[in-house]
Amino acid sequence: MTSRKSGLRALVAGGAGFLGNHLCERLLAEGERVICLDNLQTGGLDNLRRFARDSRFEFIEADVCDPLPASLRADRVYNLACPASPPLYQADPVHTMMTSVVGTRNLLDVAQLSGGRFVQASTSEVYGDPEEHPQRESYRGSVNPIGIRACYDEGKRAGEALCFDYLRSFDVDVRVARIFNTYGPRMRPDDGRIVSNLIVQALAGDALTIYGGGEQTRSFCYVDDLVDGLIRLMRVDPNPKAPVNLGNPEEYTINALAELVLDLTQSRSQVVYQPLPQDDPQCRRPDIARAAEVLGWRPRVPVRQGLAATIAWFDAGIARPWRETAPSDSALAAAAGGVA
């Protein structure tokens, strides 16, 4: 599962984004050739500079919704091409939906023409505001099809349907990962997701914003663990032929997460509460029994340790007006009980 795959060509759509960038880095480290395709809507060229001198890396600036180069071929196709943060995907909801439908079809066509494998980065949002807890892959979800989050939630559901239609109709080797909340270094400060929001606010000495009462729950998976799960899903034989949850089953309330961020940053920030956005799920926790059985996968990085590493990364670029010196990376690591 973790052996080097020298010579394989991997196409990572959305490779300039947070998760895609980490995936590109891991694939290159394991000897694969990588084609990163990204329209830079939410990704950034700064994320790719570390690969600039690697002859095995190629960048194509393109939108997956547009016709892709006719000559594009890949042994492995990872489809991560869609904003995952509500403020970002709601900024252009039509494009978000088309990315998940038209873009997914275009990438599936590349896999079909190449005879390659395909991993679809779906999401726990397909479960909506769940009536089953924790969420198993067999649960069909409770999604508002006309709400402000539907462009992402229903887009991802449609993307999954396309994937399994290609599997049944054209025998394309498709695998679907349902990704739960992921965090780590290289998240955008303006990402809009809860982990980056709280860390940036705490480091800047601003009030920590919590929506609703803060008792809603989420499960947070460190990016290295998530990338490992995606690669295992791509490489496993035989094809699972069913979605696989990838996430950390350790469940936190948003209030508890905020307290942990304040503790690790040593911030004096206060917490303020704002109204809960429409259709915001009240709970989220993956059942990862299938991932454990089929992939031999489960997350290894505890939330406290992963947050310390994430805070250390953000801390390098954020002014901290409320103290003369920020805690060092080693101090944060010690606070987390591990190495950042």
C-alpha atoms as a PDB file:
ATOM      1  CA  MET A   1       0.000   0.000   0.000  1.00  0.00           C
ATOM      2  CA  THR A   2       2.874   2.401   0.657  1.00  0.00           C
ATOM      3  CA  SER A   3       5.446   1.122  -1.836  1.00  0.00           C
ATOM      4  CA  ARG A   4       6.926   3.489  -4.409  1.00  0.00           C
ATOM      5  CA  LYS A   5       5.057   3.695  -7.721  1.00  0.00           C
ATOM      6  CA  SER A   6       7.884   4.972  -9.893  1.00  0.00           C
ATOM      7  CA  GLY A   7       6.854   6.040 -13.379  1.00  0.00           C
ATOM      8  CA  LEU A   8       3.103   6.316 -12.772  1.00  0.00           C
ATOM      9  CA  ARG A   9       1.556   9.559 -13.961  1.00  0.00           C
ATOM     10  CA  ALA A  10      -0.942  11.087 -11.528  1.00  0.00           C
ATOM     11  CA  LEU A  11      -3.309  13.914 -12.462  1.00  0.00           C
ATOM     12  CA  VAL A  12      -4.339  15.968  -9.418  1.00  0.00           C
ATOM     13  CA  ALA A  13      -7.208  18.311 -10.258  1.00  0.00           C
ATOM     14  CA  GLY A  14      -7.263  21.064  -7.664  1.00  0.00           C
ATOM     15  CA  GLY A  15      -3.617  20.400  -6.874  1.00  0.00           C
ATOM     16  CA  ALA A  16      -2.835  24.029  -6.027  1.00  0.00           C
ATOM     17  CA  GLY A  17      -5.322  24.000  -3.154  1.00  0.00           C
ATOM     18  CA  PHE A  18      -4.808  23.030   0.462  1.00  0.00           C
ATOM     19  CA  LEU A  19      -5.489  19.311   0.231  1.00  0.00           C
ATOM     20  CA  GLY A  20      -4.309  18.897  -3.367  1.00  0.00           C
ATOM     21  CA  ASN A  21      -0.979  20.531  -2.613  1.00  0.00           C
ATOM     22  CA  HIS A  22      -0.246  18.056   0.175  1.00  0.00           C
ATOM     23  CA  LEU A  23      -1.285  15.205  -2.115  1.00  0.00           C
ATOM     24  CA  CYS A  24       1.061  16.369  -4.897  1.00  0.00           C
ATOM     25  CA  GLU A  25       3.918  16.548  -2.399  1.00  0.00           C
ATOM     26  CA  ARG A  26       3.302  13.021  -1.130  1.00  0.00           C
ATOM     27  CA  LEU A  27       2.985  11.511  -4.623  1.00  0.00           C
ATOM     28  CA  LEU A  28       6.226  13.128  -5.778  1.00  0.00           C
ATOM     29  CA  ALA A  29       7.987  11.886  -2.647  1.00  0.00           C
ATOM     30  CA  GLU A  30       6.875   8.362  -3.521  1.00  0.00           C
ATOM     31  CA  GLY A  31       8.261   8.539  -7.050  1.00  0.00           C
ATOM     32  CA  GLU A  32       5.188   9.337  -9.144  1.00  0.00           C
ATOM     33  CA  ARG A  33       5.033  11.916 -11.908  1.00  0.00           C
ATOM     34  CA  VAL A  34       2.422  14.565 -11.136  1.00  0.00           C
ATOM     35  CA  ILE A  35       0.293  16.779 -13.349  1.00  0.00           C
ATOM     36  CA  CYS A  36      -1.386  19.495 -11.291  1.00  0.00           C
ATOM     37  CA  LEU A  37      -4.460  21.006 -12.965  1.00  0.00           C
ATOM     38  CA  ASP A  38      -6.002  24.035 -11.260  1.00  0.00           C
ATOM     39  CA  ASN A  39      -7.841  27.235 -12.215  1.00  0.00           C
ATOM     40  CA  LEU A  40      -6.369  29.027  -9.160  1.00  0.00           C
ATOM     41  CA  GLN A  41      -9.834  30.062  -7.977  1.00  0.00           C
ATOM     42  CA  THR A  42      -8.990  29.069  -4.406  1.00  0.00           C
ATOM     43  CA  GLY A  43      -5.527  27.549  -4.848  1.00  0.00           C
ATOM     44  CA  GLY A  44      -2.324  29.535  -5.207  1.00  0.00           C
ATOM     45  CA  LEU A  45       0.926  29.386  -7.141  1.00  0.00           C
ATOM     46  CA  ASP A  46       2.817  29.848  -3.862  1.00  0.00           C
ATOM     47  CA  ASN A  47       1.715  26.325  -2.952  1.00  0.00           C
ATOM     48  CA  LEU A  48       3.489  24.987  -6.046  1.00  0.00           C
ATOM     49  CA  ARG A  49       6.846  26.764  -5.783  1.00  0.00           C
ATOM     50  CA  ARG A  50       8.355  23.881  -3.805  1.00  0.00           C
ATOM     51  CA  PHE A  51       7.877  21.669  -6.885  1.00  0.00           C
ATOM     52  CA  ALA A  52       9.177  24.140  -9.488  1.00  0.00           C
ATOM     53  CA  ARG A  53      12.543  22.429  -9.967  1.00  0.00           C
ATOM     54  CA  ASP A  54      11.195  18.879  -9.999  1.00  0.00           C
ATOM     55  CA  SER A  55      11.184  17.596 -13.594  1.00  0.00           C
ATOM     56  CA  ARG A  56       8.448  15.124 -12.674  1.00  0.00           C
ATOM     57  CA  PHE A  57       5.996  17.929 -11.882  1.00  0.00           C
ATOM     58  CA  GLU A  58       3.850  19.737 -14.437  1.00  0.00           C
ATOM     59  CA  PHE A  59       1.296  22.502 -13.883  1.00  0.00           C
ATOM     60  CA  ILE A  60      -1.658  23.188 -16.174  1.00  0.00           C
ATOM     61  CA  GLU A  61      -3.757  26.264 -15.430  1.00  0.00           C
ATOM     62  CA  ALA A  62      -7.229  25.260 -16.538  1.00  0.00           C
ATOM     63  CA  ASP A  63     -10.819  24.975 -15.324  1.00  0.00           C
ATOM     64  CA  VAL A  64     -12.184  21.428 -15.229  1.00  0.00           C
ATOM     65  CA  CYS A  65     -15.521  22.765 -16.460  1.00  0.00           C
ATOM     66  CA  ASP A  66     -13.881  23.682 -19.785  1.00  0.00           C
ATOM     67  CA  PRO A  67     -12.803  21.132 -22.406  1.00  0.00           C
ATOM     68  CA  LEU A  68      -9.535  19.594 -21.253  1.00  0.00           C
ATOM     69  CA  PRO A  69      -6.526  19.050 -23.547  1.00  0.00           C
ATOM     70  CA  ALA A  70      -7.298  16.176 -25.904  1.00  0.00           C
ATOM     71  CA  SER A  71      -3.866  14.682 -25.274  1.00  0.00           C
ATOM     72  CA  LEU A  72      -4.221  14.635 -21.485  1.00  0.00           C
ATOM     73  CA  ARG A  73      -3.620  11.144 -20.110  1.00  0.00           C
ATOM     74  CA  ALA A  74      -2.945   9.806 -16.622  1.00  0.00           C
ATOM     75  CA  ASP A  75      -2.631   6.443 -14.886  1.00  0.00           C
ATOM     76  CA  ARG A  76      -4.227   7.896 -11.765  1.00  0.00           C
ATOM     77  CA  VAL A  77      -6.757  10.751 -11.586  1.00  0.00           C
ATOM     78  CA  TYR A  78      -7.544  12.473  -8.277  1.00  0.00           C
ATOM     79  CA  ASN A  79     -10.509  14.853  -8.505  1.00  0.00           C
ATOM     80  CA  LEU A  80     -10.125  17.481  -5.767  1.00  0.00           C
ATOM     81  CA  ALA A  81     -11.320  20.339  -7.976  1.00  0.00           C
ATOM     82  CA  CYS A  82     -13.972  22.135  -5.953  1.00  0.00           C
ATOM     83  CA  PRO A  83     -13.930  24.745  -3.159  1.00  0.00           C
ATOM     84  CA  ALA A  84     -14.777  23.070   0.151  1.00  0.00           C
ATOM     85  CA  SER A  85     -15.355  26.155   2.316  1.00  0.00           C
ATOM     86  CA  PRO A  86     -18.956  27.492   2.481  1.00  0.00           C
ATOM     87  CA  PRO A  87     -18.003  31.171   1.930  1.00  0.00           C
ATOM     88  CA  LEU A  88     -15.903  30.191  -1.090  1.00  0.00           C
ATOM     89  CA  TYR A  89     -18.288  27.749  -2.735  1.00  0.00           C
ATOM     90  CA  GLN A  90     -21.286  30.008  -2.078  1.00  0.00           C
ATOM     91  CA  ALA A  91     -19.517  32.951  -3.758  1.00  0.00           C
ATOM     92  CA  ASP A  92     -20.279  31.386  -7.173  1.00  0.00           C
ATOM     93  CA  PRO A  93     -22.820  28.628  -6.559  1.00  0.00           C
ATOM     94  CA  VAL A  94     -23.488  27.893 -10.233  1.00  0.00           C
ATOM     95  CA  HIS A  95     -19.794  27.339 -10.930  1.00  0.00           C
ATOM     96  CA  THR A  96     -19.542  25.181  -7.798  1.00  0.00           C
ATOM     97  CA  MET A  97     -22.335  22.933  -9.051  1.00  0.00           C
ATOM     98  CA  MET A  98     -20.857  22.748 -12.553  1.00  0.00           C
ATOM     99  CA  THR A  99     -17.420  21.907 -11.134  1.00  0.00           C
ATOM    100  CA  SER A 100     -18.909  18.912  -9.339  1.00  0.00           C
ATOM    101  CA  VAL A 101     -20.902  17.746 -12.363  1.00  0.00           C
ATOM    102  CA  VAL A 102     -19.355  18.927 -15.658  1.00  0.00           C
ATOM    103  CA  GLY A 103     -15.839  18.970 -14.194  1.00  0.00           C
ATOM    104  CA  THR A 104     -16.203  15.490 -12.755  1.00  0.00           C
ATOM    105  CA  ARG A 105     -17.459  14.181 -16.098  1.00  0.00           C
ATOM    106  CA  ASN A 106     -14.510  15.750 -17.946  1.00  0.00           C
ATOM    107  CA  LEU A 107     -12.051  14.120 -15.561  1.00  0.00           C
ATOM    108  CA  LEU A 108     -13.849  10.785 -15.727  1.00  0.00           C
ATOM    109  CA  ASP A 109     -13.428  10.945 -19.504  1.00  0.00           C
ATOM    110  CA  VAL A 110      -9.662  11.386 -19.012  1.00  0.00           C
ATOM    111  CA  ALA A 111      -9.574   8.290 -16.800  1.00  0.00           C
ATOM    112  CA  GLN A 112     -11.666   6.323 -19.292  1.00  0.00           C
ATOM    113  CA  LEU A 113      -9.473   7.264 -22.275  1.00  0.00           C
ATOM    114  CA  SER A 114      -6.325   6.545 -20.259  1.00  0.00           C
ATOM    115  CA  GLY A 115      -7.500   3.242 -18.827  1.00  0.00           C
ATOM    116  CA  GLY A 116      -6.600   4.746 -15.452  1.00  0.00           C
ATOM    117  CA  ARG A 117      -7.975   4.714 -11.941  1.00  0.00           C
ATOM    118  CA  PHE A 118     -10.064   7.571 -10.572  1.00  0.00           C
ATOM    119  CA  VAL A 119     -10.555   8.836  -7.004  1.00  0.00           C
ATOM    120  CA  GLN A 120     -13.403  11.242  -6.388  1.00  0.00           C
ATOM    121  CA  ALA A 121     -12.984  13.570  -3.405  1.00  0.00           C
ATOM    122  CA  SER A 122     -16.561  13.629  -2.199  1.00  0.00           C
ATOM    123  CA  THR A 123     -17.598  14.939   1.186  1.00  0.00           C
ATOM    124  CA  SER A 124     -19.407  14.242   4.431  1.00  0.00           C
ATOM    125  CA  GLU A 125     -21.757  17.031   3.324  1.00  0.00           C
ATOM    126  CA  VAL A 126     -23.622  14.426   1.255  1.00  0.00           C
ATOM    127  CA  TYR A 127     -25.096  13.357   4.618  1.00  0.00           C
ATOM    128  CA  GLY A 128     -26.541  16.858   5.190  1.00  0.00           C
ATOM    129  CA  ASP A 129     -27.846  17.466   8.710  1.00  0.00           C
ATOM    130  CA  PRO A 130     -27.788  13.774   9.575  1.00  0.00           C
ATOM    131  CA  GLU A 131     -30.476  11.780  11.336  1.00  0.00           C
ATOM    132  CA  GLU A 132     -27.974   8.928  11.816  1.00  0.00           C
ATOM    133  CA  HIS A 133     -24.971   9.313  14.106  1.00  0.00           C
ATOM    134  CA  PRO A 134     -22.217   8.436  13.499  1.00  0.00           C
ATOM    135  CA  GLN A 135     -22.593   8.449   9.738  1.00  0.00           C
ATOM    136  CA  ARG A 136     -22.077   5.183   7.856  1.00  0.00           C
ATOM    137  CA  GLU A 137     -21.649   5.037   4.090  1.00  0.00           C
ATOM    138  CA  SER A 138     -25.036   3.306   3.809  1.00  0.00           C
ATOM    139  CA  TYR A 139     -26.814   6.389   5.194  1.00  0.00           C
ATOM    140  CA  ARG A 140     -28.491   8.301   2.347  1.00  0.00           C
ATOM    141  CA  GLY A 141     -28.440  11.699   3.971  1.00  0.00           C
ATOM    142  CA  SER A 142     -30.755  14.588   4.825  1.00  0.00           C
ATOM    143  CA  VAL A 143     -29.880  17.414   2.427  1.00  0.00           C
ATOM    144  CA  ASN A 144     -31.880  20.527   1.569  1.00  0.00           C
ATOM    145  CA  PRO A 145     -31.809  20.459  -2.265  1.00  0.00           C
ATOM    146  CA  ILE A 146     -32.735  24.157  -2.601  1.00  0.00           C
ATOM    147  CA  GLY A 147     -30.764  25.676   0.284  1.00  0.00           C
ATOM    148  CA  ILE A 148     -27.717  27.923   0.117  1.00  0.00           C
ATOM    149  CA  ARG A 149     -25.383  24.931   0.638  1.00  0.00           C
ATOM    150  CA  ALA A 150     -27.038  22.811  -2.064  1.00  0.00           C
ATOM    151  CA  CYS A 151     -24.597  23.899  -4.777  1.00  0.00           C
ATOM    152  CA  TYR A 152     -21.914  21.963  -2.904  1.00  0.00           C
ATOM    153  CA  ASP A 153     -23.927  19.259  -1.135  1.00  0.00           C
ATOM    154  CA  GLU A 154     -26.054  18.283  -4.138  1.00  0.00           C
ATOM    155  CA  GLY A 155     -23.174  18.877  -6.543  1.00  0.00           C
ATOM    156  CA  LYS A 156     -21.089  16.310  -4.682  1.00  0.00           C
ATOM    157  CA  ARG A 157     -24.009  13.888  -4.549  1.00  0.00           C
ATOM    158  CA  ALA A 158     -24.420  14.241  -8.319  1.00  0.00           C
ATOM    159  CA  GLY A 159     -20.669  13.758  -8.758  1.00  0.00           C
ATOM    160  CA  GLU A 160     -20.862  10.467  -6.869  1.00  0.00           C
ATOM    161  CA  ALA A 161     -23.765   9.347  -9.071  1.00  0.00           C
ATOM    162  CA  LEU A 162     -21.700  10.099 -12.186  1.00  0.00           C
ATOM    163  CA  CYS A 163     -18.763   8.132 -10.810  1.00  0.00           C
ATOM    164  CA  PHE A 164     -20.789   5.003 -10.210  1.00  0.00           C
ATOM    165  CA  ASP A 165     -22.547   5.370 -13.578  1.00  0.00           C
ATOM    166  CA  TYR A 166     -19.105   5.392 -15.245  1.00  0.00           C
ATOM    167  CA  LEU A 167     -18.141   2.354 -13.180  1.00  0.00           C
ATOM    168  CA  ARG A 168     -21.243   0.422 -14.233  1.00  0.00           C
ATOM    169  CA  SER A 169     -21.568   1.690 -17.813  1.00  0.00           C
ATOM    170  CA  PHE A 170     -17.957   2.015 -18.947  1.00  0.00           C
ATOM    171  CA  ASP A 171     -16.047  -0.108 -16.417  1.00  0.00           C
ATOM    172  CA  VAL A 172     -13.970   2.898 -15.305  1.00  0.00           C
ATOM    173  CA  ASP A 173     -12.057   2.018 -12.129  1.00  0.00           C
ATOM    174  CA  VAL A 174     -13.700   4.625  -9.889  1.00  0.00           C
ATOM    175  CA  ARG A 175     -13.286   4.998  -6.118  1.00  0.00           C
ATOM    176  CA  VAL A 176     -15.161   7.547  -3.969  1.00  0.00           C
ATOM    177  CA  ALA A 177     -13.885   9.055  -0.704  1.00  0.00           C
ATOM    178  CA  ARG A 178     -16.305  10.893   1.567  1.00  0.00           C
ATOM    179  CA  ILE A 179     -14.014  13.365   3.305  1.00  0.00           C
ATOM    180  CA  PHE A 180     -14.813  14.779   6.740  1.00  0.00           C
ATOM    181  CA  ASN A 181     -13.388  18.054   8.091  1.00  0.00           C
ATOM    182  CA  THR A 182      -9.671  18.246   7.305  1.00  0.00           C
ATOM    183  CA  TYR A 183      -7.152  20.771   8.630  1.00  0.00           C
ATOM    184  CA  GLY A 184      -3.423  21.410   8.712  1.00  0.00           C
ATOM    185  CA  PRO A 185      -0.619  23.684   7.519  1.00  0.00           C
ATOM    186  CA  ARG A 186      -1.138  25.648   4.286  1.00  0.00           C
ATOM    187  CA  MET A 187      -4.823  26.327   4.852  1.00  0.00           C
ATOM    188  CA  ARG A 188      -5.787  29.771   3.600  1.00  0.00           C
ATOM    189  CA  PRO A 189      -6.166  32.330   6.416  1.00  0.00           C
ATOM    190  CA  ASP A 190      -9.403  33.483   4.760  1.00  0.00           C
ATOM    191  CA  ASP A 191     -10.573  29.940   4.131  1.00  0.00           C
ATOM    192  CA  GLY A 192     -13.717  30.459   6.188  1.00  0.00           C
ATOM    193  CA  ARG A 193     -13.688  27.044   7.847  1.00  0.00           C
ATOM    194  CA  ILE A 194     -13.849  26.723  11.600  1.00  0.00           C
ATOM    195  CA  VAL A 195     -10.258  25.601  12.303  1.00  0.00           C
ATOM    196  CA  SER A 196      -8.574  28.333  10.258  1.00  0.00           C
ATOM    197  CA  ASN A 197     -11.064  30.949  11.499  1.00  0.00           C
ATOM    198  CA  LEU A 198     -10.422  30.236  15.166  1.00  0.00           C
ATOM    199  CA  ILE A 199      -6.647  29.987  14.805  1.00  0.00           C
ATOM    200  CA  VAL A 200      -6.312  33.225  12.831  1.00  0.00           C
ATOM    201  CA  GLN A 201      -8.581  35.093  15.249  1.00  0.00           C
ATOM    202  CA  ALA A 202      -6.753  33.761  18.310  1.00  0.00           C
ATOM    203  CA  LEU A 203      -3.302  34.610  16.945  1.00  0.00           C
ATOM    204  CA  ALA A 204      -4.418  38.112  15.970  1.00  0.00           C
ATOM    205  CA  GLY A 205      -6.005  38.725  19.384  1.00  0.00           C
ATOM    206  CA  ASP A 206      -9.454  39.106  17.838  1.00  0.00           C
ATOM    207  CA  ALA A 207     -12.658  37.674  19.255  1.00  0.00           C
ATOM    208  CA  LEU A 208     -13.282  34.057  18.335  1.00  0.00           C
ATOM    209  CA  THR A 209     -16.484  33.778  16.319  1.00  0.00           C
ATOM    210  CA  ILE A 210     -18.734  30.804  16.941  1.00  0.00           C
ATOM    211  CA  TYR A 211     -21.973  30.359  15.021  1.00  0.00           C
ATOM    212  CA  GLY A 212     -24.946  29.040  16.946  1.00  0.00           C
ATOM    213  CA  GLY A 213     -24.547  27.854  20.532  1.00  0.00           C
ATOM    214  CA  GLY A 214     -21.274  26.051  19.861  1.00  0.00           C
ATOM    215  CA  GLU A 215     -22.591  22.662  20.938  1.00  0.00           C
ATOM    216  CA  GLN A 216     -22.772  21.374  17.365  1.00  0.00           C
ATOM    217  CA  THR A 217     -20.060  18.801  16.724  1.00  0.00           C
ATOM    218  CA  ARG A 218     -17.440  18.135  14.081  1.00  0.00           C
ATOM    219  CA  SER A 219     -14.647  15.587  13.605  1.00  0.00           C
ATOM    220  CA  PHE A 220     -11.248  16.933  12.570  1.00  0.00           C
ATOM    221  CA  CYS A 221      -8.722  14.928  10.545  1.00  0.00           C
ATOM    222  CA  TYR A 222      -5.125  16.074  10.097  1.00  0.00           C
ATOM    223  CA  VAL A 223      -4.137  16.543   6.468  1.00  0.00           C
ATOM    224  CA  ASP A 224      -1.321  13.944   6.462  1.00  0.00           C
ATOM    225  CA  ASP A 225      -3.751  11.270   7.623  1.00  0.00           C
ATOM    226  CA  LEU A 226      -6.311  12.261   5.017  1.00  0.00           C
ATOM    227  CA  VAL A 227      -3.774  12.181   2.176  1.00  0.00           C
ATOM    228  CA  ASP A 228      -2.679   8.733   3.317  1.00  0.00           C
ATOM    229  CA  GLY A 229      -6.301   7.585   3.116  1.00  0.00           C
ATOM    230  CA  LEU A 230      -6.748   8.936  -0.424  1.00  0.00           C
ATOM    231  CA  ILE A 231      -3.601   7.194  -1.656  1.00  0.00           C
ATOM    232  CA  ARG A 232      -4.584   3.926   0.005  1.00  0.00           C
ATOM    233  CA  LEU A 233      -8.003   4.154  -1.640  1.00  0.00           C
ATOM    234  CA  MET A 234      -6.389   4.700  -5.052  1.00  0.00           C
ATOM    235  CA  ARG A 235      -4.005   1.751  -4.655  1.00  0.00           C
ATOM    236  CA  VAL A 236      -6.180  -0.846  -2.964  1.00  0.00           C
ATOM    237  CA  ASP A 237      -7.245  -3.994  -4.798  1.00  0.00           C
ATOM    238  CA  PRO A 238      -9.917  -4.967  -5.503  1.00  0.00           C
ATOM    239  CA  ASN A 239     -11.969  -1.831  -6.104  1.00  0.00           C
ATOM    240  CA  PRO A 240     -14.272  -1.319  -3.073  1.00  0.00           C
ATOM    241  CA  LYS A 241     -17.120  -0.319  -5.478  1.00  0.00           C
ATOM    242  CA  ALA A 242     -18.708   1.712  -2.678  1.00  0.00           C
ATOM    243  CA  PRO A 243     -17.992   5.052  -0.982  1.00  0.00           C
ATOM    244  CA  VAL A 244     -15.450   5.075   1.842  1.00  0.00           C
ATOM    245  CA  ASN A 245     -15.564   7.545   4.756  1.00  0.00           C
ATOM    246  CA  LEU A 246     -12.240   9.231   5.529  1.00  0.00           C
ATOM    247  CA  GLY A 247     -12.181  11.256   8.729  1.00  0.00           C
ATOM    248  CA  ASN A 248     -11.278  11.269  12.388  1.00  0.00           C
ATOM    249  CA  PRO A 249     -14.015   9.710  14.572  1.00  0.00           C
ATOM    250  CA  GLU A 250     -12.851  11.795  17.551  1.00  0.00           C
ATOM    251  CA  GLU A 251     -15.767  14.220  17.966  1.00  0.00           C
ATOM    252  CA  TYR A 252     -15.516  17.797  19.324  1.00  0.00           C
ATOM    253  CA  THR A 253     -18.067  20.473  20.035  1.00  0.00           C
ATOM    254  CA  ILE A 254     -17.160  23.814  18.495  1.00  0.00           C
ATOM    255  CA  ASN A 255     -16.936  25.259  22.002  1.00  0.00           C
ATOM    256  CA  ALA A 256     -14.391  22.582  22.974  1.00  0.00           C
ATOM    257  CA  LEU A 257     -12.385  23.272  19.821  1.00  0.00           C
ATOM    258  CA  ALA A 258     -12.295  26.980  20.632  1.00  0.00           C
ATOM    259  CA  GLU A 259     -11.051  26.244  24.160  1.00  0.00           C
ATOM    260  CA  LEU A 260      -8.294  24.050  22.759  1.00  0.00           C
ATOM    261  CA  VAL A 261      -7.195  26.738  20.292  1.00  0.00           C
ATOM    262  CA  LEU A 262      -7.100  29.338  23.086  1.00  0.00           C
ATOM    263  CA  ASP A 263      -5.030  26.986  25.228  1.00  0.00           C
ATOM    264  CA  LEU A 264      -2.501  26.190  22.491  1.00  0.00           C
ATOM    265  CA  THR A 265      -2.114  29.791  21.322  1.00  0.00           C
ATOM    266  CA  GLN A 266      -2.116  31.254  24.856  1.00  0.00           C
ATOM    267  CA  SER A 267      -4.486  33.873  23.467  1.00  0.00           C
ATOM    268  CA  ARG A 268      -6.610  36.165  25.630  1.00  0.00           C
ATOM    269  CA  SER A 269      -9.291  36.440  22.954  1.00  0.00           C
ATOM    270  CA  GLN A 270     -12.920  36.380  23.993  1.00  0.00           C
ATOM    271  CA  VAL A 271     -15.575  34.219  22.331  1.00  0.00           C
ATOM    272  CA  VAL A 272     -18.567  35.807  20.590  1.00  0.00           C
ATOM    273  CA  TYR A 273     -21.615  34.006  19.260  1.00  0.00           C
ATOM    274  CA  GLN A 274     -23.373  34.712  15.983  1.00  0.00           C
ATOM    275  CA  PRO A 275     -26.563  33.242  14.452  1.00  0.00           C
ATOM    276  CA  LEU A 276     -26.193  29.782  12.942  1.00  0.00           C
ATOM    277  CA  PRO A 277     -26.158  29.802   9.110  1.00  0.00           C
ATOM    278  CA  GLN A 278     -28.945  28.062   7.205  1.00  0.00           C
ATOM    279  CA  ASP A 279     -28.643  24.266   6.909  1.00  0.00           C
ATOM    280  CA  ASP A 280     -25.517  24.096   9.086  1.00  0.00           C
ATOM    281  CA  PRO A 281     -25.275  20.475  10.332  1.00  0.00           C
ATOM    282  CA  GLN A 282     -25.692  19.870  14.054  1.00  0.00           C
ATOM    283  CA  CYS A 283     -23.395  16.853  14.216  1.00  0.00           C
ATOM    284  CA  ARG A 284     -20.730  15.191  12.150  1.00  0.00           C
ATOM    285  CA  ARG A 285     -18.761  12.040  12.966  1.00  0.00           C
ATOM    286  CA  PRO A 286     -17.619   9.331  10.572  1.00  0.00           C
ATOM    287  CA  ASP A 287     -18.002   5.620  11.009  1.00  0.00           C
ATOM    288  CA  ILE A 288     -14.652   4.472   9.575  1.00  0.00           C
ATOM    289  CA  ALA A 289     -15.136   0.716   9.898  1.00  0.00           C
ATOM    290  CA  ARG A 290     -15.067   0.322   6.107  1.00  0.00           C
ATOM    291  CA  ALA A 291     -11.838   2.303   5.766  1.00  0.00           C
ATOM    292  CA  ALA A 292     -10.236   0.245   8.511  1.00  0.00           C
ATOM    293  CA  GLU A 293     -11.301  -3.050   6.951  1.00  0.00           C
ATOM    294  CA  VAL A 294     -10.745  -2.287   3.257  1.00  0.00           C
ATOM    295  CA  LEU A 295      -7.793   0.121   3.422  1.00  0.00           C
ATOM    296  CA  GLY A 296      -6.185  -0.744   6.735  1.00  0.00           C
ATOM    297  CA  TRP A 297      -6.547   2.967   7.491  1.00  0.00           C
ATOM    298  CA  ARG A 298      -7.309   5.034  10.532  1.00  0.00           C
ATOM    299  CA  PRO A 299      -6.040   8.497  11.555  1.00  0.00           C
ATOM    300  CA  ARG A 300      -2.870   8.565  13.631  1.00  0.00           C
ATOM    301  CA  VAL A 301      -2.403  12.259  14.508  1.00  0.00           C
ATOM    302  CA  PRO A 302      -4.327  13.351  17.640  1.00  0.00           C
ATOM    303  CA  VAL A 303      -6.260  16.601  17.273  1.00  0.00           C
ATOM    304  CA  ARG A 304      -4.173  18.402  19.880  1.00  0.00           C
ATOM    305  CA  GLN A 305      -0.926  17.495  18.123  1.00  0.00           C
ATOM    306  CA  GLY A 306      -2.280  18.376  14.678  1.00  0.00           C
ATOM    307  CA  LEU A 307      -3.617  21.718  15.882  1.00  0.00           C
ATOM    308  CA  ALA A 308      -0.246  22.573  17.387  1.00  0.00           C
ATOM    309  CA  ALA A 309       1.456  21.976  14.034  1.00  0.00           C
ATOM    310  CA  THR A 310      -1.227  24.001  12.245  1.00  0.00           C
ATOM    311  CA  ILE A 311      -0.948  26.877  14.714  1.00  0.00           C
ATOM    312  CA  ALA A 312       2.840  26.923  14.337  1.00  0.00           C
ATOM    313  CA  TRP A 313       2.430  27.269  10.558  1.00  0.00           C
ATOM    314  CA  PHE A 314      -0.095  30.114  10.840  1.00  0.00           C
ATOM    315  CA  ASP A 315       1.950  31.761  13.571  1.00  0.00           C
ATOM    316  CA  ALA A 316       4.835  32.365  11.169  1.00  0.00           C
ATOM    317  CA  GLY A 317       2.741  34.779   9.117  1.00  0.00           C
ATOM    318  CA  ILE A 318       0.354  36.459  11.563  1.00  0.00           C
ATOM    319  CA  ALA A 319       1.210  39.413  13.807  1.00  0.00           C
ATOM    320  CA  ARG A 320       0.440  38.880  17.464  1.00  0.00           C
ATOM    321  CA  PRO A 321      -0.154  42.313  19.012  1.00  0.00           C
ATOM    322  CA  TRP A 322      -1.058  40.942  22.424  1.00  0.00           C
ATOM    323  CA  ARG A 323       2.391  39.581  23.274  1.00  0.00           C
ATOM    324  CA  GLU A 324       6.007  40.451  22.553  1.00  0.00           C
ATOM    325  CA  THR A 325       7.055  36.949  21.530  1.00  0.00           C
ATOM    326  CA  ALA A 326       5.084  34.029  20.201  1.00  0.00           C
ATOM    327  CA  PRO A 327       5.632  30.499  21.489  1.00  0.00           C
ATOM    328  CA  SER A 328       8.141  28.572  19.409  1.00  0.00           C
ATOM    329  CA  ASP A 329       7.262  25.544  17.315  1.00  0.00           C
ATOM    330  CA  SER A 330       8.922  23.352  19.930  1.00  0.00           C
ATOM    331  CA  ALA A 331       6.851  24.930  22.700  1.00  0.00           C
ATOM    332  CA  LEU A 332       3.661  24.301  20.769  1.00  0.00           C
ATOM    333  CA  ALA A 333       4.760  20.740  20.147  1.00  0.00           C
ATOM    334  CA  ALA A 334       5.431  20.226  23.828  1.00  0.00           C
ATOM    335  CA  ALA A 335       2.006  21.618  24.644  1.00  0.00           C
ATOM    336  CA  ALA A 336       0.505  19.147  22.199  1.00  0.00           C
ATOM    337  CA  GLY A 337       2.407  16.198  23.591  1.00  0.00           C
ATOM    338  CA  GLY A 338       4.081  15.483  20.257  1.00  0.00           C
ATOM    339  CA  VAL A 339       6.329  16.830  17.554  1.00  0.00           C
ATOM    340  CA  ALA A 340       4.797  19.556  15.389  1.00  0.00           C
END
